[in-house]
Amino acid sequence: MQLIDGKATATAIKAEIAEEVKQIVANGGKQPHLAAVLVGHDGGSETYVKNKVIACEQCGFKSTLIRFEEDVTEEELLACVDKLNADEDVDGFIVQLPLPKHIDEQKIIEAIDYRKDVDGFHPINVGRMAIGLPCFISATPLGILTLLRRYQIETSGKKCVVLGRSNIVGKPMAQLMMQKQYGDSTVTVCHSHSGNLKEECREADIIIAAIGRPDFVTADMVKDGAVIIDVGTTRVPDATRKSGFRLNGDVKFDEVAPKCSFITPVPGGVGPMTICSLMKNTLAAGKKEYYK
């Protein structure tokens, strides 16, 4: 069993990006600029945005953080998006989700200029991804693809089960694993209402678990030699930790790991790659790689 080290991989990629940015600036080019909009004080979002700011520094990017309180109106948020769309110095920006209940998330996502949508959530980027055109791929699926490639894990012709059907991970991951230039796998999507979920998993060469239920994938669901990618990050109470909680994956790691050829840990697997992928998208936006 080999552990897939997302932390080390992300560190290496950020160093590669920093080197490229140094060259761009030395040749008279523009320093990439990522902006983030944060609404309210959700703990998970705060941590995530803080890590994005640190990653920008490591990559040599310029970063801007725009904060709003929980009671911000939809109009104010849309005005902020318009301003960022028009700002020529900002190459890419994200509006951190989830947003408060009184704001229509989809409306905000669709207001973002798709050429600056480094989260890859705009319908134009989602549509282009689905038919294999160049675009910003959402960060978590892109991070997973990068790990599979860096660890030279064979995906072509393999049976891949994606657990979960969210717009952020499950659906795009299934699309990408199916496509010839990415996964080239035979893909099955399972979810909480799938009748034969265990049987499907037992036949899979690759399982990508993004169902959001701690310890959901158990040893009896995994065949020997399978590759397991655990996307789950649920906070579960843990009195032994200073924070009072620990991050738990969707996979029951201790019992599943011995059966695998490769497995991602939680934390330290997919998580660091998500932010690293956002940096890759920002660099691509700065270079106008996909959209002129």
C-alpha atoms as a PDB file:
ATOM      1  CA  MET A   1       0.000   0.000   0.000  1.00  0.00           C
ATOM      2  CA  GLN A   2       1.328   3.409  -0.992  1.00  0.00           C
ATOM      3  CA  LEU A   3       0.124   6.608   0.622  1.00  0.00           C
ATOM      4  CA  ILE A   4      -0.669   9.417  -1.837  1.00  0.00           C
ATOM      5  CA  ASP A   5       0.908  12.482  -0.240  1.00  0.00           C
ATOM      6  CA  GLY A   6      -1.152  15.475  -1.352  1.00  0.00           C
ATOM      7  CA  LYS A   7       0.745  17.846   0.909  1.00  0.00           C
ATOM      8  CA  ALA A   8       4.149  17.063  -0.601  1.00  0.00           C
ATOM      9  CA  THR A   9       2.730  17.088  -4.150  1.00  0.00           C
ATOM     10  CA  ALA A  10       1.051  20.476  -3.589  1.00  0.00           C
ATOM     11  CA  THR A  11       4.295  21.918  -2.163  1.00  0.00           C
ATOM     12  CA  ALA A  12       6.221  20.762  -5.242  1.00  0.00           C
ATOM     13  CA  ILE A  13       3.636  22.207  -7.656  1.00  0.00           C
ATOM     14  CA  LYS A  14       3.507  25.566  -5.827  1.00  0.00           C
ATOM     15  CA  ALA A  15       7.315  25.767  -6.098  1.00  0.00           C
ATOM     16  CA  GLU A  16       7.032  25.110  -9.870  1.00  0.00           C
ATOM     17  CA  ILE A  17       4.375  27.843 -10.182  1.00  0.00           C
ATOM     18  CA  ALA A  18       6.523  30.309  -8.165  1.00  0.00           C
ATOM     19  CA  GLU A  19       9.453  29.653 -10.522  1.00  0.00           C
ATOM     20  CA  GLU A  20       7.261  30.309 -13.566  1.00  0.00           C
ATOM     21  CA  VAL A  21       5.845  33.516 -12.055  1.00  0.00           C
ATOM     22  CA  LYS A  22       9.413  34.699 -11.363  1.00  0.00           C
ATOM     23  CA  GLN A  23      10.230  34.193 -15.050  1.00  0.00           C
ATOM     24  CA  ILE A  24       7.037  35.971 -16.186  1.00  0.00           C
ATOM     25  CA  VAL A  25       7.771  39.018 -14.008  1.00  0.00           C
ATOM     26  CA  ALA A  26      11.489  39.026 -14.981  1.00  0.00           C
ATOM     27  CA  ASN A  27      10.428  39.148 -18.636  1.00  0.00           C
ATOM     28  CA  GLY A  28       8.237  42.190 -17.975  1.00  0.00           C
ATOM     29  CA  GLY A  29       4.967  40.273 -17.601  1.00  0.00           C
ATOM     30  CA  LYS A  30       2.206  40.857 -15.068  1.00  0.00           C
ATOM     31  CA  GLN A  31       2.127  39.261 -11.617  1.00  0.00           C
ATOM     32  CA  PRO A  32      -1.000  37.027 -11.410  1.00  0.00           C
ATOM     33  CA  HIS A  33      -3.668  38.458  -9.092  1.00  0.00           C
ATOM     34  CA  LEU A  34      -6.281  36.364  -7.263  1.00  0.00           C
ATOM     35  CA  ALA A  35      -9.111  37.968  -5.284  1.00  0.00           C
ATOM     36  CA  ALA A  36     -11.368  36.184  -2.785  1.00  0.00           C
ATOM     37  CA  VAL A  37     -14.743  37.335  -1.458  1.00  0.00           C
ATOM     38  CA  LEU A  38     -15.652  36.036   1.988  1.00  0.00           C
ATOM     39  CA  VAL A  39     -19.109  36.488   3.512  1.00  0.00           C
ATOM     40  CA  GLY A  40     -19.638  35.977   7.256  1.00  0.00           C
ATOM     41  CA  HIS A  41     -17.433  34.017   9.633  1.00  0.00           C
ATOM     42  CA  ASP A  42     -17.924  30.310   8.839  1.00  0.00           C
ATOM     43  CA  GLY A  43     -14.999  28.426  10.438  1.00  0.00           C
ATOM     44  CA  GLY A  44     -14.290  26.171   7.484  1.00  0.00           C
ATOM     45  CA  SER A  45     -14.468  29.042   4.987  1.00  0.00           C
ATOM     46  CA  GLU A  46     -12.199  31.233   7.151  1.00  0.00           C
ATOM     47  CA  THR A  47      -9.532  28.503   7.242  1.00  0.00           C
ATOM     48  CA  TYR A  48      -9.850  27.807   3.539  1.00  0.00           C
ATOM     49  CA  VAL A  49      -9.525  31.482   2.555  1.00  0.00           C
ATOM     50  CA  LYS A  50      -6.577  31.975   4.939  1.00  0.00           C
ATOM     51  CA  ASN A  51      -4.828  29.026   3.261  1.00  0.00           C
ATOM     52  CA  LYS A  52      -5.528  30.539  -0.165  1.00  0.00           C
ATOM     53  CA  VAL A  53      -3.851  33.804   0.868  1.00  0.00           C
ATOM     54  CA  ILE A  54      -0.787  31.860   2.124  1.00  0.00           C
ATOM     55  CA  ALA A  55      -0.685  29.822  -1.121  1.00  0.00           C
ATOM     56  CA  CYS A  56      -0.748  33.061  -3.168  1.00  0.00           C
ATOM     57  CA  GLU A  57       2.332  34.271  -1.273  1.00  0.00           C
ATOM     58  CA  GLN A  58       4.097  30.939  -1.888  1.00  0.00           C
ATOM     59  CA  CYS A  59       3.320  31.150  -5.621  1.00  0.00           C
ATOM     60  CA  GLY A  60       4.362  34.785  -5.958  1.00  0.00           C
ATOM     61  CA  PHE A  61       0.812  35.987  -6.723  1.00  0.00           C
ATOM     62  CA  LYS A  62      -0.823  39.184  -5.627  1.00  0.00           C
ATOM     63  CA  SER A  63      -3.902  38.475  -3.494  1.00  0.00           C
ATOM     64  CA  THR A  64      -6.863  40.521  -2.306  1.00  0.00           C
ATOM     65  CA  LEU A  65      -9.394  39.510   0.338  1.00  0.00           C
ATOM     66  CA  ILE A  66     -12.779  41.264   0.363  1.00  0.00           C
ATOM     67  CA  ARG A  67     -14.915  40.683   3.451  1.00  0.00           C
ATOM     68  CA  PHE A  68     -18.642  41.139   3.987  1.00  0.00           C
ATOM     69  CA  GLU A  69     -20.745  40.505   7.068  1.00  0.00           C
ATOM     70  CA  GLU A  70     -23.462  37.838   7.119  1.00  0.00           C
ATOM     71  CA  ASP A  71     -26.195  40.435   6.474  1.00  0.00           C
ATOM     72  CA  VAL A  72     -24.783  41.648   3.142  1.00  0.00           C
ATOM     73  CA  THR A  73     -27.517  42.048   0.524  1.00  0.00           C
ATOM     74  CA  GLU A  74     -27.545  40.162  -2.777  1.00  0.00           C
ATOM     75  CA  GLU A  75     -27.330  43.531  -4.576  1.00  0.00           C
ATOM     76  CA  GLU A  76     -24.157  44.493  -2.671  1.00  0.00           C
ATOM     77  CA  LEU A  77     -22.551  41.168  -3.473  1.00  0.00           C
ATOM     78  CA  LEU A  78     -23.494  41.409  -7.166  1.00  0.00           C
ATOM     79  CA  ALA A  79     -22.041  44.941  -7.257  1.00  0.00           C
ATOM     80  CA  CYS A  80     -18.787  43.561  -5.822  1.00  0.00           C
ATOM     81  CA  VAL A  81     -18.710  40.827  -8.493  1.00  0.00           C
ATOM     82  CA  ASP A  82     -19.279  43.455 -11.231  1.00  0.00           C
ATOM     83  CA  LYS A  83     -16.398  45.513  -9.876  1.00  0.00           C
ATOM     84  CA  LEU A  84     -14.038  42.505  -9.878  1.00  0.00           C
ATOM     85  CA  ASN A  85     -15.171  41.558 -13.394  1.00  0.00           C
ATOM     86  CA  ALA A  86     -14.228  45.056 -14.580  1.00  0.00           C
ATOM     87  CA  ASP A  87     -10.916  45.296 -12.677  1.00  0.00           C
ATOM     88  CA  GLU A  88      -8.193  44.647 -15.257  1.00  0.00           C
ATOM     89  CA  ASP A  89      -5.583  43.919 -12.598  1.00  0.00           C
ATOM     90  CA  VAL A  90      -7.597  40.986 -11.177  1.00  0.00           C
ATOM     91  CA  ASP A  91      -6.948  37.844 -13.256  1.00  0.00           C
ATOM     92  CA  GLY A  92      -9.239  35.521 -11.323  1.00  0.00           C
ATOM     93  CA  PHE A  93     -11.503  35.612  -8.291  1.00  0.00           C
ATOM     94  CA  ILE A  94     -13.651  33.374  -6.161  1.00  0.00           C
ATOM     95  CA  VAL A  95     -16.727  33.951  -4.039  1.00  0.00           C
ATOM     96  CA  GLN A  96     -16.323  31.547  -1.122  1.00  0.00           C
ATOM     97  CA  LEU A  97     -19.254  29.153  -0.708  1.00  0.00           C
ATOM     98  CA  PRO A  98     -21.531  28.465   1.128  1.00  0.00           C
ATOM     99  CA  LEU A  99     -23.277  31.844   1.149  1.00  0.00           C
ATOM    100  CA  PRO A 100     -25.965  32.912   3.644  1.00  0.00           C
ATOM    101  CA  LYS A 101     -29.466  31.521   2.947  1.00  0.00           C
ATOM    102  CA  HIS A 102     -30.902  34.855   1.737  1.00  0.00           C
ATOM    103  CA  ILE A 103     -28.470  34.967  -1.201  1.00  0.00           C
ATOM    104  CA  ASP A 104     -29.021  32.986  -4.402  1.00  0.00           C
ATOM    105  CA  GLU A 105     -25.679  31.194  -4.877  1.00  0.00           C
ATOM    106  CA  GLN A 106     -26.350  30.288  -8.498  1.00  0.00           C
ATOM    107  CA  LYS A 107     -27.136  33.912  -9.346  1.00  0.00           C
ATOM    108  CA  ILE A 108     -23.786  34.997  -7.883  1.00  0.00           C
ATOM    109  CA  ILE A 109     -21.871  32.236  -9.721  1.00  0.00           C
ATOM    110  CA  GLU A 110     -23.486  33.179 -13.034  1.00  0.00           C
ATOM    111  CA  ALA A 111     -22.629  36.860 -12.509  1.00  0.00           C
ATOM    112  CA  ILE A 112     -18.895  36.048 -12.421  1.00  0.00           C
ATOM    113  CA  ASP A 113     -17.079  36.609 -15.731  1.00  0.00           C
ATOM    114  CA  TYR A 114     -16.349  33.021 -16.834  1.00  0.00           C
ATOM    115  CA  ARG A 115     -12.865  34.140 -17.969  1.00  0.00           C
ATOM    116  CA  LYS A 116     -12.069  34.979 -14.321  1.00  0.00           C
ATOM    117  CA  ASP A 117     -13.968  32.023 -12.799  1.00  0.00           C
ATOM    118  CA  VAL A 118     -10.936  30.179 -11.383  1.00  0.00           C
ATOM    119  CA  ASP A 119     -13.239  28.015  -9.226  1.00  0.00           C
ATOM    120  CA  GLY A 120     -14.658  26.541 -12.445  1.00  0.00           C
ATOM    121  CA  PHE A 121     -18.294  26.794 -11.299  1.00  0.00           C
ATOM    122  CA  HIS A 122     -19.720  29.043 -14.042  1.00  0.00           C
ATOM    123  CA  PRO A 123     -22.064  27.162 -16.434  1.00  0.00           C
ATOM    124  CA  ILE A 124     -19.805  28.072 -19.384  1.00  0.00           C
ATOM    125  CA  ASN A 125     -16.771  26.450 -17.741  1.00  0.00           C
ATOM    126  CA  VAL A 126     -18.865  23.458 -16.601  1.00  0.00           C
ATOM    127  CA  GLY A 127     -20.254  23.039 -20.131  1.00  0.00           C
ATOM    128  CA  ARG A 128     -16.843  23.356 -21.789  1.00  0.00           C
ATOM    129  CA  MET A 129     -15.431  20.811 -19.347  1.00  0.00           C
ATOM    130  CA  ALA A 130     -18.254  18.369 -20.144  1.00  0.00           C
ATOM    131  CA  ILE A 131     -17.412  18.377 -23.864  1.00  0.00           C
ATOM    132  CA  GLY A 132     -13.641  18.431 -23.381  1.00  0.00           C
ATOM    133  CA  LEU A 133     -12.857  22.037 -24.351  1.00  0.00           C
ATOM    134  CA  PRO A 134     -10.105  24.054 -22.596  1.00  0.00           C
ATOM    135  CA  CYS A 135     -11.506  25.720 -19.475  1.00  0.00           C
ATOM    136  CA  PHE A 136     -11.069  26.207 -15.736  1.00  0.00           C
ATOM    137  CA  ILE A 137     -11.730  22.834 -14.122  1.00  0.00           C
ATOM    138  CA  SER A 138     -13.087  23.037 -10.581  1.00  0.00           C
ATOM    139  CA  ALA A 139     -10.304  22.751  -8.040  1.00  0.00           C
ATOM    140  CA  THR A 140     -11.003  19.448  -6.256  1.00  0.00           C
ATOM    141  CA  PRO A 141     -11.482  17.306  -9.408  1.00  0.00           C
ATOM    142  CA  LEU A 142      -8.419  18.965 -10.983  1.00  0.00           C
ATOM    143  CA  GLY A 143      -6.428  18.189  -7.813  1.00  0.00           C
ATOM    144  CA  ILE A 144      -7.476  14.534  -7.949  1.00  0.00           C
ATOM    145  CA  LEU A 145      -6.506  14.229 -11.638  1.00  0.00           C
ATOM    146  CA  THR A 146      -3.138  15.787 -10.821  1.00  0.00           C
ATOM    147  CA  LEU A 147      -2.502  13.276  -8.008  1.00  0.00           C
ATOM    148  CA  LEU A 148      -3.408  10.325 -10.255  1.00  0.00           C
ATOM    149  CA  ARG A 149      -0.974  11.598 -12.887  1.00  0.00           C
ATOM    150  CA  ARG A 150       1.872  12.437 -10.507  1.00  0.00           C
ATOM    151  CA  TYR A 151       1.670   8.977  -8.949  1.00  0.00           C
ATOM    152  CA  GLN A 152       1.448   7.415 -12.440  1.00  0.00           C
ATOM    153  CA  ILE A 153      -1.743   5.555 -11.527  1.00  0.00           C
ATOM    154  CA  GLU A 154      -3.161   3.801 -14.576  1.00  0.00           C
ATOM    155  CA  THR A 155      -6.745   4.949 -15.224  1.00  0.00           C
ATOM    156  CA  SER A 156      -7.300   4.068 -18.885  1.00  0.00           C
ATOM    157  CA  GLY A 157      -9.796   1.232 -19.251  1.00  0.00           C
ATOM    158  CA  LYS A 158     -10.184   0.883 -15.474  1.00  0.00           C
ATOM    159  CA  LYS A 159     -13.506   0.679 -13.655  1.00  0.00           C
ATOM    160  CA  CYS A 160     -13.993   3.812 -11.576  1.00  0.00           C
ATOM    161  CA  VAL A 161     -16.772   4.351  -9.031  1.00  0.00           C
ATOM    162  CA  VAL A 162     -17.525   7.933  -7.974  1.00  0.00           C
ATOM    163  CA  LEU A 163     -19.447   8.095  -4.697  1.00  0.00           C
ATOM    164  CA  GLY A 164     -21.477  11.313  -4.605  1.00  0.00           C
ATOM    165  CA  ARG A 165     -23.109  13.496  -7.256  1.00  0.00           C
ATOM    166  CA  SER A 166     -22.456  17.064  -6.103  1.00  0.00           C
ATOM    167  CA  ASN A 167     -21.849  19.827  -8.650  1.00  0.00           C
ATOM    168  CA  ILE A 168     -18.506  20.598  -6.985  1.00  0.00           C
ATOM    169  CA  VAL A 169     -16.943  17.103  -6.945  1.00  0.00           C
ATOM    170  CA  GLY A 170     -19.077  14.102  -7.951  1.00  0.00           C
ATOM    171  CA  LYS A 171     -20.468  15.234 -11.311  1.00  0.00           C
ATOM    172  CA  PRO A 172     -17.319  16.913 -12.700  1.00  0.00           C
ATOM    173  CA  MET A 173     -15.141  14.042 -11.436  1.00  0.00           C
ATOM    174  CA  ALA A 174     -17.295  11.483 -13.256  1.00  0.00           C
ATOM    175  CA  GLN A 175     -17.172  13.555 -16.470  1.00  0.00           C
ATOM    176  CA  LEU A 176     -13.391  13.892 -16.330  1.00  0.00           C
ATOM    177  CA  MET A 177     -12.701  10.247 -15.480  1.00  0.00           C
ATOM    178  CA  MET A 178     -14.837   9.277 -18.474  1.00  0.00           C
ATOM    179  CA  GLN A 179     -13.095  11.573 -20.970  1.00  0.00           C
ATOM    180  CA  LYS A 180     -10.395  10.189 -23.211  1.00  0.00           C
ATOM    181  CA  GLN A 181      -7.809  12.904 -22.506  1.00  0.00           C
ATOM    182  CA  TYR A 182      -8.170  12.634 -18.723  1.00  0.00           C
ATOM    183  CA  GLY A 183      -9.284   9.402 -17.052  1.00  0.00           C
ATOM    184  CA  ASP A 184     -10.373   7.279 -20.023  1.00  0.00           C
ATOM    185  CA  SER A 185     -12.112   5.029 -17.463  1.00  0.00           C
ATOM    186  CA  THR A 186     -15.433   3.214 -17.320  1.00  0.00           C
ATOM    187  CA  VAL A 187     -17.337   5.288 -14.771  1.00  0.00           C
ATOM    188  CA  THR A 188     -20.236   4.481 -12.436  1.00  0.00           C
ATOM    189  CA  VAL A 189     -21.741   7.187 -10.232  1.00  0.00           C
ATOM    190  CA  CYS A 190     -23.281   5.986  -6.955  1.00  0.00           C
ATOM    191  CA  HIS A 191     -25.058   7.985  -4.271  1.00  0.00           C
ATOM    192  CA  SER A 192     -27.063   7.526  -1.075  1.00  0.00           C
ATOM    193  CA  HIS A 193     -30.034   6.087  -2.992  1.00  0.00           C
ATOM    194  CA  SER A 194     -28.066   3.587  -5.100  1.00  0.00           C
ATOM    195  CA  GLY A 195     -29.461   0.110  -4.497  1.00  0.00           C
ATOM    196  CA  ASN A 196     -26.369  -1.975  -5.286  1.00  0.00           C
ATOM    197  CA  LEU A 197     -23.728   0.410  -3.978  1.00  0.00           C
ATOM    198  CA  LYS A 198     -21.554  -2.178  -2.193  1.00  0.00           C
ATOM    199  CA  GLU A 199     -21.478  -4.506  -5.204  1.00  0.00           C
ATOM    200  CA  GLU A 200     -20.486  -1.630  -7.520  1.00  0.00           C
ATOM    201  CA  CYS A 201     -17.662  -0.588  -5.175  1.00  0.00           C
ATOM    202  CA  ARG A 202     -16.353  -4.135  -4.856  1.00  0.00           C
ATOM    203  CA  GLU A 203     -15.819  -4.288  -8.624  1.00  0.00           C
ATOM    204  CA  ALA A 204     -14.040  -0.923  -8.842  1.00  0.00           C
ATOM    205  CA  ASP A 205     -10.344  -0.484  -9.623  1.00  0.00           C
ATOM    206  CA  ILE A 206     -10.616   3.137  -8.468  1.00  0.00           C
ATOM    207  CA  ILE A 207     -13.036   4.540  -5.866  1.00  0.00           C
ATOM    208  CA  ILE A 208     -13.416   8.306  -5.490  1.00  0.00           C
ATOM    209  CA  ALA A 209     -15.390   8.880  -2.284  1.00  0.00           C
ATOM    210  CA  ALA A 210     -17.106  12.257  -2.083  1.00  0.00           C
ATOM    211  CA  ILE A 211     -20.318  11.398  -0.276  1.00  0.00           C
ATOM    212  CA  GLY A 212     -19.748  13.480   2.881  1.00  0.00           C
ATOM    213  CA  ARG A 213     -20.358  10.660   5.369  1.00  0.00           C
ATOM    214  CA  PRO A 214     -17.506   9.760   7.756  1.00  0.00           C
ATOM    215  CA  ASP A 215     -16.175   6.175   7.539  1.00  0.00           C
ATOM    216  CA  PHE A 216     -18.763   5.320   4.862  1.00  0.00           C
ATOM    217  CA  VAL A 217     -16.413   3.154   2.791  1.00  0.00           C
ATOM    218  CA  THR A 218     -15.503   0.003   4.731  1.00  0.00           C
ATOM    219  CA  ALA A 219     -13.136  -2.893   3.954  1.00  0.00           C
ATOM    220  CA  ASP A 220     -15.943  -5.146   2.685  1.00  0.00           C
ATOM    221  CA  MET A 221     -16.637  -2.598  -0.094  1.00  0.00           C
ATOM    222  CA  VAL A 222     -13.103  -2.589  -1.472  1.00  0.00           C
ATOM    223  CA  LYS A 223     -11.365  -5.196  -3.617  1.00  0.00           C
ATOM    224  CA  ASP A 224      -7.688  -6.006  -3.115  1.00  0.00           C
ATOM    225  CA  GLY A 225      -5.364  -3.642  -4.963  1.00  0.00           C
ATOM    226  CA  ALA A 226      -7.950  -0.876  -5.479  1.00  0.00           C
ATOM    227  CA  VAL A 227      -6.985   2.815  -5.605  1.00  0.00           C
ATOM    228  CA  ILE A 228      -8.893   4.901  -3.049  1.00  0.00           C
ATOM    229  CA  ILE A 229      -9.265   8.683  -3.293  1.00  0.00           C
ATOM    230  CA  ASP A 230     -10.956  10.079  -0.180  1.00  0.00           C
ATOM    231  CA  VAL A 231     -12.489  13.530  -0.685  1.00  0.00           C
ATOM    232  CA  GLY A 232     -14.415  13.575   2.610  1.00  0.00           C
ATOM    233  CA  THR A 233     -13.575  16.194   5.246  1.00  0.00           C
ATOM    234  CA  THR A 234     -16.173  16.025   8.013  1.00  0.00           C
ATOM    235  CA  ARG A 235     -15.405  17.581  11.388  1.00  0.00           C
ATOM    236  CA  VAL A 236     -16.022  14.968  14.075  1.00  0.00           C
ATOM    237  CA  PRO A 237     -15.730  15.671  17.826  1.00  0.00           C
ATOM    238  CA  ASP A 238     -12.393  14.635  19.355  1.00  0.00           C
ATOM    239  CA  ALA A 239     -11.712  15.515  22.997  1.00  0.00           C
ATOM    240  CA  THR A 240      -7.997  14.713  22.607  1.00  0.00           C
ATOM    241  CA  ARG A 241      -7.495  17.596  20.151  1.00  0.00           C
ATOM    242  CA  LYS A 242      -7.008  21.215  21.148  1.00  0.00           C
ATOM    243  CA  SER A 243      -9.608  22.267  18.583  1.00  0.00           C
ATOM    244  CA  GLY A 244     -12.101  19.739  20.003  1.00  0.00           C
ATOM    245  CA  PHE A 245     -12.517  18.053  16.601  1.00  0.00           C
ATOM    246  CA  ARG A 246     -10.612  16.170  13.933  1.00  0.00           C
ATOM    247  CA  LEU A 247     -11.119  15.889  10.189  1.00  0.00           C
ATOM    248  CA  ASN A 248     -12.541  12.547   9.153  1.00  0.00           C
ATOM    249  CA  GLY A 249     -12.673  11.143   5.652  1.00  0.00           C
ATOM    250  CA  ASP A 250     -15.422   9.166   3.906  1.00  0.00           C
ATOM    251  CA  VAL A 251     -13.190   6.077   4.079  1.00  0.00           C
ATOM    252  CA  LYS A 252     -12.568   3.979   7.195  1.00  0.00           C
ATOM    253  CA  PHE A 253      -8.845   4.386   6.680  1.00  0.00           C
ATOM    254  CA  ASP A 254      -7.374   1.869   9.158  1.00  0.00           C
ATOM    255  CA  GLU A 255      -9.354  -1.084   7.835  1.00  0.00           C
ATOM    256  CA  VAL A 256      -9.389  -0.098   4.140  1.00  0.00           C
ATOM    257  CA  ALA A 257      -5.735   0.968   3.686  1.00  0.00           C
ATOM    258  CA  PRO A 258      -4.179  -2.538   3.961  1.00  0.00           C
ATOM    259  CA  LYS A 259      -6.254  -3.704   0.964  1.00  0.00           C
ATOM    260  CA  CYS A 260      -5.267  -0.818  -1.341  1.00  0.00           C
ATOM    261  CA  SER A 261      -2.487  -0.257  -3.835  1.00  0.00           C
ATOM    262  CA  PHE A 262      -2.814   3.529  -3.301  1.00  0.00           C
ATOM    263  CA  ILE A 263      -4.855   5.601  -0.840  1.00  0.00           C
ATOM    264  CA  THR A 264      -5.136   9.280   0.117  1.00  0.00           C
ATOM    265  CA  PRO A 265      -5.084  10.164   3.819  1.00  0.00           C
ATOM    266  CA  VAL A 266      -7.387  12.724   5.484  1.00  0.00           C
ATOM    267  CA  PRO A 267      -6.050  15.281   6.156  1.00  0.00           C
ATOM    268  CA  GLY A 268      -3.064  15.662   3.824  1.00  0.00           C
ATOM    269  CA  GLY A 269      -4.458  13.985   0.710  1.00  0.00           C
ATOM    270  CA  VAL A 270      -6.929  15.730  -1.594  1.00  0.00           C
ATOM    271  CA  GLY A 271      -7.296  18.881   0.578  1.00  0.00           C
ATOM    272  CA  PRO A 272      -3.915  20.537  -0.152  1.00  0.00           C
ATOM    273  CA  MET A 273      -4.376  19.762  -3.862  1.00  0.00           C
ATOM    274  CA  THR A 274      -7.630  21.738  -4.000  1.00  0.00           C
ATOM    275  CA  ILE A 275      -5.885  25.009  -3.136  1.00  0.00           C
ATOM    276  CA  CYS A 276      -2.937  24.088  -5.336  1.00  0.00           C
ATOM    277  CA  SER A 277      -5.357  23.613  -8.288  1.00  0.00           C
ATOM    278  CA  LEU A 278      -6.843  27.036  -7.652  1.00  0.00           C
ATOM    279  CA  MET A 279      -3.303  28.423  -7.984  1.00  0.00           C
ATOM    280  CA  LYS A 280      -2.872  26.524 -11.282  1.00  0.00           C
ATOM    281  CA  ASN A 281      -6.128  28.027 -12.574  1.00  0.00           C
ATOM    282  CA  THR A 282      -5.068  31.528 -11.477  1.00  0.00           C
ATOM    283  CA  LEU A 283      -1.762  31.167 -13.317  1.00  0.00           C
ATOM    284  CA  ALA A 284      -3.673  30.010 -16.421  1.00  0.00           C
ATOM    285  CA  ALA A 285      -5.996  33.038 -16.056  1.00  0.00           C
ATOM    286  CA  GLY A 286      -3.012  35.376 -15.761  1.00  0.00           C
ATOM    287  CA  LYS A 287      -1.468  33.869 -18.904  1.00  0.00           C
ATOM    288  CA  LYS A 288      -4.858  34.027 -20.707  1.00  0.00           C
ATOM    289  CA  GLU A 289      -4.348  30.344 -21.470  1.00  0.00           C
ATOM    290  CA  TYR A 290      -7.984  29.423 -22.120  1.00  0.00           C
ATOM    291  CA  TYR A 291      -9.706  32.702 -22.912  1.00  0.00           C
ATOM    292  CA  LYS A 292      -8.237  35.750 -24.610  1.00  0.00           C
END
